[in-house]
Amino acid sequence: MFGEPQAAAFYQTTYTRFLKTFYFLLSYWCKKVVLKLIGLKETLLIHTL
């Protein structure tokens, strides 16, 4: 498909690196959102008590 095996290997590593970066950013963002939600829940509980 790519012609040369070197090119295929290059595309493979680039694709894997992209996936790793994307996954890292996604997990980081999810953690921030979850922490924010937990913080909101705690402040709401404090205000209702």
PDB file of N, CA and C in Angstrom:
ATOM      1  N   MET A   1       0.841  -1.194   0.000  1.00  0.00           N
ATOM      2  CA  MET A   1       0.000   0.000   0.000  1.00  0.00           C
ATOM      3  C   MET A   1       0.883   1.253   0.000  1.00  0.00           C
ATOM      4  N   PHE A   2       1.894   1.273   0.872  1.00  0.00           N
ATOM      5  CA  PHE A   2       2.784   2.430   0.959  1.00  0.00           C
ATOM      6  C   PHE A   2       3.947   2.347  -0.016  1.00  0.00           C
ATOM      7  N   GLY A   3       4.195   1.145  -0.559  1.00  0.00           N
ATOM      8  CA  GLY A   3       5.309   0.983  -1.486  1.00  0.00           C
ATOM      9  C   GLY A   3       6.512   0.411  -0.781  1.00  0.00           C
ATOM     10  N   GLU A   4       7.156   1.208   0.078  1.00  0.00           N
ATOM     11  CA  GLU A   4       8.356   0.754   0.783  1.00  0.00           C
ATOM     12  C   GLU A   4       8.048   0.453   2.248  1.00  0.00           C
ATOM     13  N   PRO A   5       8.703  -0.575   2.800  1.00  0.00           N
ATOM     14  CA  PRO A   5       8.453  -0.911   4.209  1.00  0.00           C
ATOM     15  C   PRO A   5       8.880   0.188   5.177  1.00  0.00           C
ATOM     16  N   GLN A   6       9.906   0.964   4.797  1.00  0.00           N
ATOM     17  CA  GLN A   6      10.354   2.068   5.656  1.00  0.00           C
ATOM     18  C   GLN A   6       9.233   3.094   5.822  1.00  0.00           C
ATOM     19  N   ALA A   7       8.570   3.383   4.704  1.00  0.00           N
ATOM     20  CA  ALA A   7       7.472   4.350   4.734  1.00  0.00           C
ATOM     21  C   ALA A   7       6.345   3.830   5.622  1.00  0.00           C
ATOM     22  N   ALA A   8       6.040   2.550   5.496  1.00  0.00           N
ATOM     23  CA  ALA A   8       4.980   1.945   6.303  1.00  0.00           C
ATOM     24  C   ALA A   8       5.330   2.027   7.786  1.00  0.00           C
ATOM     25  N   ALA A   9       6.581   1.735   8.119  1.00  0.00           N
ATOM     26  CA  ALA A   9       7.023   1.803   9.516  1.00  0.00           C
ATOM     27  C   ALA A   9       6.939   3.238  10.031  1.00  0.00           C
ATOM     28  N   PHE A  10       7.318   4.179   9.185  1.00  0.00           N
ATOM     29  CA  PHE A  10       7.258   5.594   9.571  1.00  0.00           C
ATOM     30  C   PHE A  10       5.825   6.008   9.870  1.00  0.00           C
ATOM     31  N   TYR A  11       4.905   5.624   8.968  1.00  0.00           N
ATOM     32  CA  TYR A  11       3.499   5.968   9.185  1.00  0.00           C
ATOM     33  C   TYR A  11       2.976   5.312  10.455  1.00  0.00           C
ATOM     34  N   GLN A  12       3.416   4.075  10.705  1.00  0.00           N
ATOM     35  CA  GLN A  12       2.979   3.336  11.891  1.00  0.00           C
ATOM     36  C   GLN A  12       3.396   4.062  13.167  1.00  0.00           C
ATOM     37  N   THR A  13       4.669   4.470  13.244  1.00  0.00           N
ATOM     38  CA  THR A  13       5.160   5.150  14.454  1.00  0.00           C
ATOM     39  C   THR A  13       4.490   6.504  14.637  1.00  0.00           C
ATOM     40  N   THR A  14       4.312   7.234  13.542  1.00  0.00           N
ATOM     41  CA  THR A  14       3.662   8.546  13.622  1.00  0.00           C
ATOM     42  C   THR A  14       2.230   8.395  14.117  1.00  0.00           C
ATOM     43  N   TYR A  15       1.523   7.391  13.590  1.00  0.00           N
ATOM     44  CA  TYR A  15       0.143   7.125  13.967  1.00  0.00           C
ATOM     45  C   TYR A  15       0.056   6.753  15.448  1.00  0.00           C
ATOM     46  N   THR A  16       0.987   5.892  15.901  1.00  0.00           N
ATOM     47  CA  THR A  16       0.986   5.481  17.308  1.00  0.00           C
ATOM     48  C   THR A  16       1.261   6.667  18.215  1.00  0.00           C
ATOM     49  N   ARG A  17       2.226   7.493  17.830  1.00  0.00           N
ATOM     50  CA  ARG A  17       2.566   8.679  18.622  1.00  0.00           C
ATOM     51  C   ARG A  17       1.362   9.609  18.717  1.00  0.00           C
ATOM     52  N   PHE A  18       0.671   9.796  17.592  1.00  0.00           N
ATOM     53  CA  PHE A  18      -0.518  10.651  17.567  1.00  0.00           C
ATOM     54  C   PHE A  18      -1.584  10.102  18.508  1.00  0.00           C
ATOM     55  N   LEU A  19      -1.801   8.781  18.454  1.00  0.00           N
ATOM     56  CA  LEU A  19      -2.800   8.156  19.310  1.00  0.00           C
ATOM     57  C   LEU A  19      -2.454   8.329  20.784  1.00  0.00           C
ATOM     58  N   LYS A  20      -1.177   8.130  21.123  1.00  0.00           N
ATOM     59  CA  LYS A  20      -0.740   8.275  22.514  1.00  0.00           C
ATOM     60  C   LYS A  20      -0.974   9.697  23.010  1.00  0.00           C
ATOM     61  N   THR A  21      -0.604  10.685  22.186  1.00  0.00           N
ATOM     62  CA  THR A  21      -0.787  12.086  22.562  1.00  0.00           C
ATOM     63  C   THR A  21      -2.264  12.396  22.743  1.00  0.00           C
ATOM     64  N   PHE A  22      -3.086  11.923  21.794  1.00  0.00           N
ATOM     65  CA  PHE A  22      -4.527  12.157  21.851  1.00  0.00           C
ATOM     66  C   PHE A  22      -5.121  11.545  23.116  1.00  0.00           C
ATOM     67  N   TYR A  23      -4.707  10.295  23.413  1.00  0.00           N
ATOM     68  CA  TYR A  23      -5.211   9.603  24.596  1.00  0.00           C
ATOM     69  C   TYR A  23      -4.806  10.331  25.873  1.00  0.00           C
ATOM     70  N   PHE A  24      -3.549  10.803  25.913  1.00  0.00           N
ATOM     71  CA  PHE A  24      -3.044  11.527  27.082  1.00  0.00           C
ATOM     72  C   PHE A  24      -3.858  12.796  27.320  1.00  0.00           C
ATOM     73  N   LEU A  25      -4.078  13.567  26.239  1.00  0.00           N
ATOM     74  CA  LEU A  25      -4.836  14.810  26.363  1.00  0.00           C
ATOM     75  C   LEU A  25      -6.265  14.537  26.800  1.00  0.00           C
ATOM     76  N   LEU A  26      -6.863  13.480  26.231  1.00  0.00           N
ATOM     77  CA  LEU A  26      -8.240  13.130  26.555  1.00  0.00           C
ATOM     78  C   LEU A  26      -8.371  12.746  28.025  1.00  0.00           C
ATOM     79  N   SER A  27      -7.460  11.906  28.518  1.00  0.00           N
ATOM     80  CA  SER A  27      -7.516  11.478  29.914  1.00  0.00           C
ATOM     81  C   SER A  27      -7.282  12.665  30.853  1.00  0.00           C
ATOM     82  N   TYR A  28      -6.352  13.552  30.477  1.00  0.00           N
ATOM     83  CA  TYR A  28      -6.061  14.743  31.282  1.00  0.00           C
ATOM     84  C   TYR A  28      -7.306  15.627  31.375  1.00  0.00           C
ATOM     85  N   TRP A  29      -7.982  15.829  30.249  1.00  0.00           N
ATOM     86  CA  TRP A  29      -9.186  16.654  30.202  1.00  0.00           C
ATOM     87  C   TRP A  29     -10.302  16.025  31.032  1.00  0.00           C
ATOM     88  N   CYS A  30     -10.448  14.693  30.919  1.00  0.00           N
ATOM     89  CA  CYS A  30     -11.473  13.983  31.683  1.00  0.00           C
ATOM     90  C   CYS A  30     -11.224  14.131  33.180  1.00  0.00           C
ATOM     91  N   LYS A  31      -9.953  14.015  33.591  1.00  0.00           N
ATOM     92  CA  LYS A  31      -9.614  14.177  35.007  1.00  0.00           C
ATOM     93  C   LYS A  31      -9.998  15.562  35.488  1.00  0.00           C
ATOM     94  N   LYS A  32      -9.692  16.582  34.682  1.00  0.00           N
ATOM     95  CA  LYS A  32     -10.023  17.956  35.062  1.00  0.00           C
ATOM     96  C   LYS A  32     -11.528  18.123  35.222  1.00  0.00           C
ATOM     97  N   VAL A  33     -12.288  17.572  34.282  1.00  0.00           N
ATOM     98  CA  VAL A  33     -13.746  17.688  34.324  1.00  0.00           C
ATOM     99  C   VAL A  33     -14.300  16.976  35.552  1.00  0.00           C
ATOM    100  N   VAL A  34     -13.800  15.759  35.812  1.00  0.00           N
ATOM    101  CA  VAL A  34     -14.269  14.988  36.966  1.00  0.00           C
ATOM    102  C   VAL A  34     -13.954  15.723  38.264  1.00  0.00           C
ATOM    103  N   LEU A  35     -12.737  16.253  38.366  1.00  0.00           N
ATOM    104  CA  LEU A  35     -12.356  17.001  39.569  1.00  0.00           C
ATOM    105  C   LEU A  35     -13.234  18.231  39.746  1.00  0.00           C
ATOM    106  N   LYS A  36     -13.547  18.892  38.642  1.00  0.00           N
ATOM    107  CA  LYS A  36     -14.399  20.078  38.698  1.00  0.00           C
ATOM    108  C   LYS A  36     -15.801  19.699  39.173  1.00  0.00           C
ATOM    109  N   LEU A  37     -16.328  18.582  38.655  1.00  0.00           N
ATOM    110  CA  LEU A  37     -17.652  18.119  39.060  1.00  0.00           C
ATOM    111  C   LEU A  37     -17.673  17.754  40.537  1.00  0.00           C
ATOM    112  N   ILE A  38     -16.620  17.081  41.004  1.00  0.00           N
ATOM    113  CA  ILE A  38     -16.531  16.715  42.417  1.00  0.00           C
ATOM    114  C   ILE A  38     -16.491  17.978  43.277  1.00  0.00           C
ATOM    115  N   GLY A  39     -15.726  18.959  42.839  1.00  0.00           N
ATOM    116  CA  GLY A  39     -15.644  20.226  43.559  1.00  0.00           C
ATOM    117  C   GLY A  39     -16.991  20.922  43.621  1.00  0.00           C
ATOM    118  N   LEU A  40     -17.723  20.916  42.497  1.00  0.00           N
ATOM    119  CA  LEU A  40     -19.046  21.531  42.465  1.00  0.00           C
ATOM    120  C   LEU A  40     -19.993  20.817  43.411  1.00  0.00           C
ATOM    121  N   LYS A  41     -19.940  19.485  43.407  1.00  0.00           N
ATOM    122  CA  LYS A  41     -20.808  18.696  44.266  1.00  0.00           C
ATOM    123  C   LYS A  41     -20.535  19.014  45.733  1.00  0.00           C
ATOM    124  N   GLU A  42     -19.246  19.132  46.087  1.00  0.00           N
ATOM    125  CA  GLU A  42     -18.873  19.436  47.470  1.00  0.00           C
ATOM    126  C   GLU A  42     -19.352  20.826  47.880  1.00  0.00           C
ATOM    127  N   THR A  43     -19.206  21.807  46.992  1.00  0.00           N
ATOM    128  CA  THR A  43     -19.650  23.161  47.334  1.00  0.00           C
ATOM    129  C   THR A  43     -21.167  23.196  47.473  1.00  0.00           C
ATOM    130  N   LEU A  44     -21.877  22.447  46.625  1.00  0.00           N
ATOM    131  CA  LEU A  44     -23.335  22.394  46.725  1.00  0.00           C
ATOM    132  C   LEU A  44     -23.756  21.764  48.046  1.00  0.00           C
ATOM    133  N   LEU A  45     -23.063  20.687  48.440  1.00  0.00           N
ATOM    134  CA  LEU A  45     -23.369  20.030  49.714  1.00  0.00           C
ATOM    135  C   LEU A  45     -23.123  20.969  50.883  1.00  0.00           C
ATOM    136  N   ILE A  46     -22.038  21.719  50.820  1.00  0.00           N
ATOM    137  CA  ILE A  46     -21.704  22.667  51.890  1.00  0.00           C
ATOM    138  C   ILE A  46     -22.784  23.754  51.980  1.00  0.00           C
ATOM    139  N   HIS A  47     -23.261  24.222  50.834  1.00  0.00           N
ATOM    140  CA  HIS A  47     -24.269  25.284  50.827  1.00  0.00           C
ATOM    141  C   HIS A  47     -25.625  24.782  51.304  1.00  0.00           C
ATOM    142  N   THR A  48     -25.952  23.512  51.027  1.00  0.00           N
ATOM    143  CA  THR A  48     -27.255  22.994  51.438  1.00  0.00           C
ATOM    144  C   THR A  48     -27.283  22.677  52.925  1.00  0.00           C
ATOM    145  N   LEU A  49     -26.116  22.325  53.507  1.00  0.00           N
ATOM    146  CA  LEU A  49     -26.086  21.994  54.940  1.00  0.00           C
ATOM    147  C   LEU A  49     -26.205  23.235  55.823  1.00  0.00           C
TER     148      LEU A  49
END
